[in-house]
Amino acid sequence: MQVRSWMAAVVLMAGSTVLISGVARSQKSGSDQTPPSAEGQDAGTPKTQDSQNPSVQDKRPTPNTQTVELNLLIAGLGQDGCEVEIKPGNRSCRFQPQHLRVETQGKAKFVFRDIELRGADRNCTFAITVHETGQASRTIYRGFRIGSRLTPGPVSQGAQSFTCYMNSPSKLAGLEPTGQTRR
């Protein structure tokens, strides 16, 4: 009987040792571990990226880029106009920010090329900041859902466009209540 209990204790110790060592290995940082494919290769030959296997370049994901045209209409601008800065409104899309001087008419057209969508919902949010002299700058956020491409190759369709209507900071400052009631 004592042999059987001793054998059971050995089996339990070996099993717990294997379990604990597996957990400890998974806790190591990536620089300490060697990749499994490197064990079978020669350690003395230098490794070059993509020169031995040209199909690796084909496997890399290409970013899903789109082109969007934003028509901006600002009501109530003064004689000096304003400065407009447009940048990404959240992390689900990426594009280069743009700055433009908008004249008194309040009409501007922005073309954003190479918008990279990072989310599955295909939404792109624009943070539009209006800097008008003598007023505090104002930022508004506008979202646009970008349609999916029909062909995965080069862009065969034109840019998708949308129009954004907004009021200037000076017009909004005149509408703020000053303590009296308007009827």
N, C-alpha and C. Protein backbone atom coordinates (compact mmCIF):
# COMPACT_ATOMS: atom_id res chain seq x y z
N MET A 1 0.80 -1.18 0.00
CA MET A 1 0.00 0.00 0.00
C MET A 1 0.85 1.26 0.00
N GLN A 2 1.98 1.17 0.71
CA GLN A 2 2.82 2.35 0.79
C GLN A 2 3.44 2.68 -0.56
N VAL A 3 3.69 1.68 -1.38
CA VAL A 3 4.28 1.91 -2.70
C VAL A 3 3.30 2.66 -3.58
N ARG A 4 2.04 2.28 -3.50
CA ARG A 4 1.05 2.93 -4.33
C ARG A 4 0.89 4.40 -3.95
N SER A 5 0.84 4.73 -2.69
CA SER A 5 0.69 6.12 -2.27
C SER A 5 1.95 6.92 -2.63
N TRP A 6 3.11 6.26 -2.55
CA TRP A 6 4.34 6.93 -2.92
C TRP A 6 4.35 7.23 -4.42
N MET A 7 3.90 6.29 -5.26
CA MET A 7 3.83 6.48 -6.71
C MET A 7 2.82 7.58 -7.07
N ALA A 8 1.71 7.65 -6.35
CA ALA A 8 0.71 8.69 -6.60
C ALA A 8 1.29 10.07 -6.28
N ALA A 9 2.07 10.15 -5.22
CA ALA A 9 2.69 11.42 -4.85
C ALA A 9 3.70 11.86 -5.91
N VAL A 10 4.46 10.92 -6.47
CA VAL A 10 5.43 11.24 -7.51
C VAL A 10 4.72 11.74 -8.77
N VAL A 11 3.64 11.09 -9.15
CA VAL A 11 2.88 11.50 -10.33
C VAL A 11 2.30 12.91 -10.13
N LEU A 12 1.76 13.18 -8.96
CA LEU A 12 1.22 14.51 -8.68
C LEU A 12 2.31 15.57 -8.71
N MET A 13 3.47 15.28 -8.17
CA MET A 13 4.59 16.24 -8.19
C MET A 13 5.07 16.50 -9.61
N ALA A 14 5.17 15.47 -10.41
CA ALA A 14 5.63 15.64 -11.80
C ALA A 14 4.61 16.45 -12.59
N GLY A 15 3.34 16.18 -12.40
CA GLY A 15 2.30 16.92 -13.11
C GLY A 15 2.28 18.38 -12.73
N SER A 16 2.42 18.68 -11.43
CA SER A 16 2.41 20.08 -11.00
C SER A 16 3.66 20.81 -11.46
N THR A 17 4.80 20.09 -11.54
CA THR A 17 6.04 20.71 -12.04
C THR A 17 5.89 21.09 -13.51
N VAL A 18 5.32 20.22 -14.31
CA VAL A 18 5.12 20.51 -15.72
C VAL A 18 4.16 21.68 -15.88
N LEU A 19 3.10 21.72 -15.08
CA LEU A 19 2.13 22.79 -15.16
C LEU A 19 2.75 24.13 -14.78
N ILE A 20 3.51 24.16 -13.71
CA ILE A 20 4.14 25.40 -13.25
C ILE A 20 5.20 25.87 -14.23
N SER A 21 5.97 24.96 -14.80
CA SER A 21 7.00 25.38 -15.76
C SER A 21 6.36 25.92 -17.04
N GLY A 22 5.21 25.40 -17.44
CA GLY A 22 4.52 25.93 -18.61
C GLY A 22 4.01 27.34 -18.37
N VAL A 23 3.50 27.60 -17.18
CA VAL A 23 3.04 28.94 -16.84
C VAL A 23 4.22 29.90 -16.77
N ALA A 24 5.34 29.45 -16.20
CA ALA A 24 6.52 30.30 -16.10
C ALA A 24 7.07 30.64 -17.47
N ARG A 25 7.05 29.70 -18.41
CA ARG A 25 7.53 29.98 -19.76
C ARG A 25 6.65 30.99 -20.48
N SER A 26 5.36 30.93 -20.22
CA SER A 26 4.46 31.87 -20.89
C SER A 26 4.60 33.27 -20.31
N GLN A 27 5.17 33.41 -19.13
CA GLN A 27 5.36 34.70 -18.51
C GLN A 27 6.62 35.40 -18.97
N LYS A 28 7.53 34.72 -19.66
CA LYS A 28 8.78 35.32 -20.10
C LYS A 28 8.51 36.35 -21.18
N SER A 29 9.42 37.33 -21.28
CA SER A 29 9.28 38.32 -22.34
C SER A 29 9.71 37.71 -23.66
N GLY A 30 9.29 38.35 -24.75
CA GLY A 30 9.54 37.81 -26.09
C GLY A 30 11.01 37.80 -26.48
N SER A 31 11.84 38.70 -25.90
CA SER A 31 13.25 38.74 -26.29
C SER A 31 14.03 37.59 -25.69
N ASP A 32 13.54 37.01 -24.58
CA ASP A 32 14.25 35.88 -23.96
C ASP A 32 13.99 34.57 -24.69
N GLN A 33 12.87 34.46 -25.33
CA GLN A 33 12.51 33.21 -25.97
C GLN A 33 13.06 33.17 -27.39
N THR A 34 13.38 31.98 -27.83
CA THR A 34 13.79 31.80 -29.22
C THR A 34 12.60 31.28 -29.98
N PRO A 35 12.40 31.77 -31.19
CA PRO A 35 11.26 31.27 -31.96
C PRO A 35 11.44 29.81 -32.31
N PRO A 36 10.36 29.04 -32.42
CA PRO A 36 10.47 27.62 -32.67
C PRO A 36 11.10 27.31 -34.02
N SER A 37 10.94 28.17 -35.02
CA SER A 37 11.51 27.89 -36.33
C SER A 37 13.01 28.13 -36.37
N ALA A 38 13.56 28.88 -35.41
CA ALA A 38 14.98 29.19 -35.43
C ALA A 38 15.83 28.03 -34.92
N GLU A 39 15.23 27.07 -34.21
CA GLU A 39 16.02 25.97 -33.66
C GLU A 39 16.57 25.08 -34.76
N GLY A 40 15.85 24.88 -35.82
CA GLY A 40 16.29 23.98 -36.87
C GLY A 40 17.19 24.64 -37.91
N GLN A 41 17.32 25.95 -37.90
CA GLN A 41 18.13 26.64 -38.89
C GLN A 41 19.56 26.75 -38.43
N ASP A 42 20.45 27.08 -39.37
CA ASP A 42 21.85 27.28 -39.01
C ASP A 42 21.98 28.55 -38.19
N ALA A 43 22.74 28.47 -37.12
CA ALA A 43 22.95 29.64 -36.28
C ALA A 43 24.03 30.53 -36.85
N GLY A 44 24.90 30.01 -37.72
CA GLY A 44 26.01 30.79 -38.24
C GLY A 44 25.67 31.62 -39.46
N THR A 45 24.61 31.33 -40.15
CA THR A 45 24.28 32.10 -41.35
C THR A 45 23.46 33.31 -40.98
N PRO A 46 23.78 34.47 -41.55
CA PRO A 46 22.99 35.67 -41.23
C PRO A 46 21.61 35.58 -41.88
N LYS A 47 20.64 36.12 -41.21
CA LYS A 47 19.27 36.10 -41.70
C LYS A 47 18.97 37.42 -42.37
N THR A 48 18.46 37.37 -43.57
CA THR A 48 18.04 38.59 -44.26
C THR A 48 16.54 38.54 -44.42
N GLN A 49 15.92 39.70 -44.28
CA GLN A 49 14.48 39.74 -44.37
C GLN A 49 14.04 39.72 -45.82
N ASP A 50 13.10 38.86 -46.12
CA ASP A 50 12.40 38.79 -47.39
C ASP A 50 13.28 38.49 -48.60
N SER A 51 14.59 38.28 -48.43
CA SER A 51 15.41 37.98 -49.60
C SER A 51 15.32 36.49 -49.96
N GLN A 52 15.13 35.64 -48.94
CA GLN A 52 15.04 34.22 -49.21
C GLN A 52 13.63 33.81 -49.60
N ASN A 53 12.64 34.50 -49.10
CA ASN A 53 11.26 34.13 -49.34
C ASN A 53 10.50 35.34 -49.90
N PRO A 54 10.39 35.45 -51.22
CA PRO A 54 9.71 36.63 -51.77
C PRO A 54 8.21 36.64 -51.53
N SER A 55 7.63 35.51 -51.17
CA SER A 55 6.19 35.50 -50.95
C SER A 55 5.80 36.17 -49.64
N VAL A 56 6.76 36.49 -48.77
CA VAL A 56 6.47 37.16 -47.52
C VAL A 56 5.93 38.55 -47.79
N GLN A 57 6.42 39.21 -48.84
CA GLN A 57 5.93 40.53 -49.17
C GLN A 57 4.46 40.48 -49.58
N ASP A 58 4.02 39.41 -50.20
CA ASP A 58 2.64 39.29 -50.61
C ASP A 58 1.72 39.05 -49.42
N LYS A 59 2.25 38.47 -48.33
CA LYS A 59 1.43 38.15 -47.18
C LYS A 59 1.21 39.34 -46.26
N ARG A 60 1.99 40.39 -46.40
CA ARG A 60 1.83 41.56 -45.54
C ARG A 60 0.50 42.23 -45.86
N PRO A 61 -0.22 42.65 -44.81
CA PRO A 61 -1.51 43.29 -45.07
C PRO A 61 -1.30 44.70 -45.63
N THR A 62 -2.01 45.01 -46.66
CA THR A 62 -1.97 46.36 -47.21
C THR A 62 -3.05 47.16 -46.52
N PRO A 63 -2.75 48.39 -46.15
CA PRO A 63 -3.75 49.18 -45.45
C PRO A 63 -4.92 49.51 -46.36
N ASN A 64 -6.09 49.50 -45.78
CA ASN A 64 -7.30 49.81 -46.53
C ASN A 64 -7.44 51.33 -46.57
N THR A 65 -6.98 51.96 -47.64
CA THR A 65 -7.00 53.41 -47.72
C THR A 65 -8.13 53.86 -48.62
N GLN A 66 -8.69 55.00 -48.28
CA GLN A 66 -9.81 55.59 -49.00
C GLN A 66 -9.52 57.06 -49.25
N THR A 67 -10.31 57.67 -50.14
CA THR A 67 -10.24 59.10 -50.40
C THR A 67 -11.60 59.70 -50.08
N VAL A 68 -11.58 60.79 -49.28
CA VAL A 68 -12.81 61.45 -48.87
C VAL A 68 -12.68 62.94 -49.16
N GLU A 69 -13.76 63.50 -49.68
CA GLU A 69 -13.83 64.93 -49.98
C GLU A 69 -14.79 65.56 -48.98
N LEU A 70 -14.32 66.55 -48.22
CA LEU A 70 -15.12 67.22 -47.20
C LEU A 70 -15.43 68.64 -47.66
N ASN A 71 -16.71 68.95 -47.84
CA ASN A 71 -17.14 70.31 -48.17
C ASN A 71 -17.59 70.97 -46.88
N LEU A 72 -16.94 72.07 -46.52
CA LEU A 72 -17.21 72.74 -45.25
C LEU A 72 -17.89 74.07 -45.53
N LEU A 73 -19.03 74.31 -44.90
CA LEU A 73 -19.78 75.55 -45.04
C LEU A 73 -19.94 76.15 -43.65
N ILE A 74 -19.35 77.34 -43.43
CA ILE A 74 -19.37 78.00 -42.13
C ILE A 74 -20.24 79.25 -42.24
N ALA A 75 -21.27 79.35 -41.43
CA ALA A 75 -22.17 80.50 -41.45
C ALA A 75 -21.72 81.54 -40.43
N GLY A 76 -21.85 82.82 -40.79
CA GLY A 76 -21.61 83.91 -39.85
C GLY A 76 -20.17 84.33 -39.68
N LEU A 77 -19.34 84.13 -40.69
CA LEU A 77 -17.94 84.56 -40.57
C LEU A 77 -17.82 86.08 -40.71
N GLY A 78 -16.85 86.65 -40.02
CA GLY A 78 -16.59 88.08 -40.12
C GLY A 78 -15.77 88.41 -41.35
N GLN A 79 -15.28 89.64 -41.43
CA GLN A 79 -14.52 90.11 -42.60
C GLN A 79 -13.17 89.41 -42.72
N ASP A 80 -12.60 89.00 -41.60
CA ASP A 80 -11.27 88.40 -41.63
C ASP A 80 -11.29 86.91 -41.97
N GLY A 81 -12.44 86.30 -41.92
CA GLY A 81 -12.49 84.86 -42.17
C GLY A 81 -12.00 84.09 -40.96
N CYS A 82 -11.46 82.91 -41.19
CA CYS A 82 -10.97 82.09 -40.07
C CYS A 82 -9.96 81.07 -40.58
N GLU A 83 -9.28 80.45 -39.64
CA GLU A 83 -8.37 79.34 -39.91
C GLU A 83 -9.07 78.06 -39.49
N VAL A 84 -8.98 77.05 -40.35
CA VAL A 84 -9.62 75.77 -40.06
C VAL A 84 -8.56 74.69 -40.04
N GLU A 85 -8.59 73.88 -39.01
CA GLU A 85 -7.68 72.73 -38.90
C GLU A 85 -8.53 71.47 -38.77
N ILE A 86 -8.25 70.48 -39.61
CA ILE A 86 -9.00 69.22 -39.56
C ILE A 86 -8.01 68.10 -39.32
N LYS A 87 -8.29 67.30 -38.30
CA LYS A 87 -7.44 66.16 -37.96
C LYS A 87 -8.33 64.99 -37.54
N PRO A 88 -7.77 63.79 -37.38
CA PRO A 88 -8.59 62.64 -36.97
C PRO A 88 -9.24 62.88 -35.62
N GLY A 89 -10.50 62.48 -35.50
CA GLY A 89 -11.25 62.69 -34.27
C GLY A 89 -11.13 61.55 -33.28
N ASN A 90 -10.72 60.38 -33.73
CA ASN A 90 -10.51 59.25 -32.84
C ASN A 90 -9.46 58.32 -33.46
N ARG A 91 -9.19 57.22 -32.78
CA ARG A 91 -8.12 56.32 -33.23
C ARG A 91 -8.56 55.30 -34.27
N SER A 92 -9.82 55.29 -34.63
CA SER A 92 -10.27 54.28 -35.59
C SER A 92 -9.96 54.66 -37.03
N CYS A 93 -9.46 55.87 -37.26
CA CYS A 93 -9.04 56.26 -38.60
C CYS A 93 -7.76 57.07 -38.49
N ARG A 94 -7.00 57.05 -39.57
CA ARG A 94 -5.72 57.76 -39.59
C ARG A 94 -5.58 58.47 -40.93
N PHE A 95 -5.22 59.76 -40.88
CA PHE A 95 -4.92 60.54 -42.07
C PHE A 95 -4.09 61.75 -41.66
N GLN A 96 -3.55 62.45 -42.64
CA GLN A 96 -2.72 63.61 -42.38
C GLN A 96 -3.61 64.82 -42.08
N PRO A 97 -3.34 65.56 -40.99
CA PRO A 97 -4.13 66.76 -40.69
C PRO A 97 -3.92 67.82 -41.77
N GLN A 98 -4.93 68.68 -41.95
CA GLN A 98 -4.86 69.75 -42.94
C GLN A 98 -5.27 71.07 -42.31
N HIS A 99 -4.62 72.17 -42.77
CA HIS A 99 -4.93 73.53 -42.34
C HIS A 99 -5.31 74.32 -43.58
N LEU A 100 -6.27 75.23 -43.42
CA LEU A 100 -6.70 76.04 -44.55
C LEU A 100 -7.30 77.34 -44.04
N ARG A 101 -7.03 78.42 -44.76
CA ARG A 101 -7.63 79.72 -44.46
C ARG A 101 -8.94 79.81 -45.22
N VAL A 102 -10.04 80.08 -44.50
CA VAL A 102 -11.36 80.20 -45.10
C VAL A 102 -11.73 81.68 -45.14
N GLU A 103 -12.14 82.14 -46.30
CA GLU A 103 -12.49 83.55 -46.48
C GLU A 103 -13.90 83.83 -45.98
N THR A 104 -14.38 85.04 -46.20
CA THR A 104 -15.66 85.51 -45.68
C THR A 104 -16.85 84.68 -46.16
N GLN A 105 -16.77 84.11 -47.36
CA GLN A 105 -17.90 83.31 -47.87
C GLN A 105 -18.16 82.08 -47.01
N GLY A 106 -17.15 81.56 -46.36
CA GLY A 106 -17.32 80.42 -45.48
C GLY A 106 -17.35 79.08 -46.18
N LYS A 107 -16.84 79.02 -47.41
CA LYS A 107 -16.84 77.75 -48.15
C LYS A 107 -15.42 77.25 -48.29
N ALA A 108 -15.23 75.97 -48.01
CA ALA A 108 -13.91 75.35 -48.15
C ALA A 108 -14.10 73.91 -48.59
N LYS A 109 -13.10 73.41 -49.28
CA LYS A 109 -13.14 72.03 -49.76
C LYS A 109 -11.82 71.37 -49.37
N PHE A 110 -11.91 70.26 -48.66
CA PHE A 110 -10.75 69.50 -48.23
C PHE A 110 -10.81 68.13 -48.90
N VAL A 111 -9.67 67.67 -49.40
CA VAL A 111 -9.59 66.33 -49.97
C VAL A 111 -8.57 65.55 -49.15
N PHE A 112 -9.03 64.46 -48.55
CA PHE A 112 -8.18 63.61 -47.73
C PHE A 112 -7.91 62.32 -48.49
N ARG A 113 -6.66 62.12 -48.81
CA ARG A 113 -6.25 60.90 -49.50
C ARG A 113 -5.60 59.97 -48.48
N ASP A 114 -5.63 58.72 -48.76
CA ASP A 114 -4.99 57.70 -47.93
C ASP A 114 -5.53 57.70 -46.50
N ILE A 115 -6.83 57.70 -46.36
CA ILE A 115 -7.44 57.53 -45.04
C ILE A 115 -7.39 56.05 -44.71
N GLU A 116 -6.75 55.73 -43.63
CA GLU A 116 -6.62 54.33 -43.21
C GLU A 116 -7.66 54.05 -42.14
N LEU A 117 -8.53 53.13 -42.41
CA LEU A 117 -9.57 52.74 -41.46
C LEU A 117 -9.05 51.61 -40.60
N ARG A 118 -9.17 51.76 -39.29
CA ARG A 118 -8.64 50.76 -38.38
C ARG A 118 -9.74 49.97 -37.69
N GLY A 119 -10.97 50.42 -37.79
CA GLY A 119 -12.08 49.74 -37.14
C GLY A 119 -12.93 48.97 -38.13
N ALA A 120 -13.69 48.05 -37.62
CA ALA A 120 -14.55 47.25 -38.47
C ALA A 120 -15.81 48.00 -38.87
N ASP A 121 -16.16 49.07 -38.15
CA ASP A 121 -17.39 49.78 -38.45
C ASP A 121 -17.25 50.76 -39.61
N ARG A 122 -16.03 50.99 -40.11
CA ARG A 122 -15.75 51.83 -41.28
C ARG A 122 -16.16 53.28 -41.07
N ASN A 123 -16.15 53.74 -39.81
CA ASN A 123 -16.46 55.14 -39.51
C ASN A 123 -15.18 55.95 -39.45
N CYS A 124 -15.25 57.16 -39.97
CA CYS A 124 -14.12 58.09 -39.91
C CYS A 124 -14.62 59.36 -39.24
N THR A 125 -13.98 59.77 -38.17
CA THR A 125 -14.39 60.95 -37.42
C THR A 125 -13.38 62.06 -37.66
N PHE A 126 -13.91 63.25 -37.99
CA PHE A 126 -13.09 64.42 -38.24
C PHE A 126 -13.25 65.39 -37.08
N ALA A 127 -12.13 65.89 -36.54
CA ALA A 127 -12.14 66.94 -35.52
C ALA A 127 -11.85 68.25 -36.26
N ILE A 128 -12.85 69.11 -36.35
CA ILE A 128 -12.75 70.35 -37.11
C ILE A 128 -12.62 71.49 -36.10
N THR A 129 -11.47 72.17 -36.10
CA THR A 129 -11.22 73.27 -35.18
C THR A 129 -11.21 74.57 -35.97
N VAL A 130 -12.03 75.53 -35.52
CA VAL A 130 -12.14 76.83 -36.18
C VAL A 130 -11.48 77.86 -35.28
N HIS A 131 -10.47 78.57 -35.82
CA HIS A 131 -9.77 79.64 -35.11
C HIS A 131 -10.18 80.96 -35.75
N GLU A 132 -10.97 81.76 -35.04
CA GLU A 132 -11.39 83.06 -35.55
C GLU A 132 -10.79 84.13 -34.65
N THR A 133 -10.29 85.21 -35.24
CA THR A 133 -9.64 86.25 -34.46
C THR A 133 -10.64 86.89 -33.49
N GLY A 134 -10.18 87.07 -32.25
CA GLY A 134 -11.01 87.68 -31.23
C GLY A 134 -11.97 86.72 -30.55
N GLN A 135 -11.98 85.47 -30.96
CA GLN A 135 -12.88 84.48 -30.37
C GLN A 135 -12.09 83.26 -29.92
N ALA A 136 -12.65 82.54 -29.00
CA ALA A 136 -12.04 81.27 -28.58
C ALA A 136 -12.22 80.26 -29.70
N SER A 137 -11.21 79.42 -29.90
CA SER A 137 -11.33 78.41 -30.96
C SER A 137 -12.37 77.37 -30.55
N ARG A 138 -13.01 76.81 -31.55
CA ARG A 138 -14.10 75.87 -31.31
C ARG A 138 -13.84 74.61 -32.10
N THR A 139 -14.00 73.46 -31.47
CA THR A 139 -13.80 72.17 -32.13
C THR A 139 -15.12 71.42 -32.15
N ILE A 140 -15.48 70.92 -33.35
CA ILE A 140 -16.65 70.07 -33.47
C ILE A 140 -16.20 68.76 -34.10
N TYR A 141 -16.94 67.73 -33.84
CA TYR A 141 -16.62 66.40 -34.36
C TYR A 141 -17.73 65.96 -35.31
N ARG A 142 -17.33 65.51 -36.49
CA ARG A 142 -18.28 65.01 -37.47
C ARG A 142 -17.81 63.64 -37.93
N GLY A 143 -18.75 62.72 -38.00
CA GLY A 143 -18.43 61.37 -38.43
C GLY A 143 -18.96 61.09 -39.81
N PHE A 144 -18.31 60.19 -40.49
CA PHE A 144 -18.70 59.81 -41.84
C PHE A 144 -18.43 58.33 -42.00
N ARG A 145 -19.44 57.60 -42.42
CA ARG A 145 -19.27 56.17 -42.68
C ARG A 145 -18.82 56.00 -44.11
N ILE A 146 -17.68 55.38 -44.29
CA ILE A 146 -17.09 55.19 -45.61
C ILE A 146 -17.57 53.86 -46.17
N GLY A 147 -18.09 53.91 -47.38
CA GLY A 147 -18.56 52.69 -48.03
C GLY A 147 -17.41 51.78 -48.38
N SER A 148 -17.70 50.49 -48.47
CA SER A 148 -16.64 49.54 -48.80
C SER A 148 -16.35 49.59 -50.29
N ARG A 149 -15.13 49.27 -50.62
CA ARG A 149 -14.72 49.20 -52.02
C ARG A 149 -15.29 47.96 -52.67
N LEU A 150 -15.73 48.11 -53.89
CA LEU A 150 -16.25 46.95 -54.60
C LEU A 150 -15.13 46.10 -55.15
N THR A 151 -14.06 46.74 -55.61
CA THR A 151 -12.93 45.99 -56.16
C THR A 151 -11.74 46.16 -55.23
N PRO A 152 -11.03 45.08 -54.91
CA PRO A 152 -9.90 45.20 -53.99
C PRO A 152 -8.67 45.82 -54.61
N GLY A 153 -8.63 46.00 -55.89
CA GLY A 153 -7.46 46.54 -56.59
C GLY A 153 -7.38 48.04 -56.46
N PRO A 154 -6.80 48.69 -57.47
CA PRO A 154 -6.68 50.14 -57.43
C PRO A 154 -8.06 50.80 -57.43
N VAL A 155 -8.07 52.02 -56.96
CA VAL A 155 -9.32 52.74 -56.82
C VAL A 155 -9.92 52.99 -58.19
N SER A 156 -11.11 52.46 -58.41
CA SER A 156 -11.76 52.65 -59.70
C SER A 156 -12.88 53.67 -59.60
N GLN A 157 -13.26 54.01 -58.39
CA GLN A 157 -14.34 54.97 -58.21
C GLN A 157 -13.77 56.27 -57.68
N GLY A 158 -14.54 57.36 -57.80
CA GLY A 158 -14.10 58.66 -57.32
C GLY A 158 -14.15 58.73 -55.81
N ALA A 159 -13.76 59.88 -55.31
CA ALA A 159 -13.75 60.08 -53.87
C ALA A 159 -15.18 60.21 -53.34
N GLN A 160 -15.41 59.68 -52.16
CA GLN A 160 -16.69 59.85 -51.50
C GLN A 160 -16.70 61.23 -50.85
N SER A 161 -17.82 61.90 -50.86
CA SER A 161 -17.85 63.25 -50.32
C SER A 161 -19.01 63.44 -49.37
N PHE A 162 -18.85 64.40 -48.46
CA PHE A 162 -19.94 64.80 -47.59
C PHE A 162 -19.78 66.27 -47.24
N THR A 163 -20.88 66.89 -46.86
CA THR A 163 -20.90 68.32 -46.55
C THR A 163 -21.14 68.50 -45.06
N CYS A 164 -20.38 69.41 -44.46
CA CYS A 164 -20.49 69.71 -43.04
C CYS A 164 -20.90 71.17 -42.89
N TYR A 165 -22.01 71.41 -42.22
CA TYR A 165 -22.50 72.76 -41.95
C TYR A 165 -22.20 73.11 -40.50
N MET A 166 -21.70 74.34 -40.28
CA MET A 166 -21.42 74.77 -38.92
C MET A 166 -21.50 76.27 -38.80
N ASN A 167 -21.62 76.78 -37.58
CA ASN A 167 -21.64 78.21 -37.31
C ASN A 167 -20.28 78.65 -36.83
N SER A 168 -19.94 79.91 -37.10
CA SER A 168 -18.65 80.43 -36.67
C SER A 168 -18.69 80.73 -35.18
N PRO A 169 -17.52 80.76 -34.52
CA PRO A 169 -17.50 81.08 -33.08
C PRO A 169 -18.04 82.47 -32.77
N SER A 170 -17.86 83.45 -33.67
CA SER A 170 -18.36 84.80 -33.40
C SER A 170 -19.89 84.84 -33.45
N LYS A 171 -20.49 84.08 -34.33
CA LYS A 171 -21.96 84.03 -34.40
C LYS A 171 -22.52 83.36 -33.16
N LEU A 172 -21.86 82.29 -32.70
CA LEU A 172 -22.32 81.60 -31.51
C LEU A 172 -22.13 82.45 -30.26
N ALA A 173 -21.07 83.29 -30.23
CA ALA A 173 -20.85 84.16 -29.08
C ALA A 173 -21.96 85.19 -28.96
N GLY A 174 -22.51 85.64 -30.08
CA GLY A 174 -23.61 86.60 -30.05
C GLY A 174 -24.92 85.97 -29.60
N LEU A 175 -25.06 84.67 -29.71
CA LEU A 175 -26.29 83.99 -29.32
C LEU A 175 -26.32 83.56 -27.86
N GLU A 176 -25.16 83.65 -27.18
CA GLU A 176 -25.11 83.23 -25.78
C GLU A 176 -25.94 84.17 -24.91
N PRO A 177 -26.64 83.63 -23.93
CA PRO A 177 -27.46 84.49 -23.07
C PRO A 177 -26.59 85.41 -22.22
N THR A 178 -26.98 86.67 -22.12
CA THR A 178 -26.23 87.65 -21.35
C THR A 178 -26.96 88.05 -20.08
N GLY A 179 -27.93 87.29 -19.66
CA GLY A 179 -28.67 87.59 -18.46
C GLY A 179 -30.06 88.13 -18.74
N GLN A 180 -30.37 88.46 -19.97
CA GLN A 180 -31.69 88.94 -20.27
C GLN A 180 -32.44 87.91 -21.12
N THR A 181 -33.72 87.92 -20.99
CA THR A 181 -34.55 86.96 -21.67
C THR A 181 -35.01 87.52 -23.00
N ARG A 182 -34.85 86.74 -24.06
CA ARG A 182 -35.32 87.17 -25.38
C ARG A 182 -36.70 86.58 -25.61
N ARG A 183 -37.57 87.39 -26.21
CA ARG A 183 -38.92 86.90 -26.49
C ARG A 183 -39.19 86.94 -27.95
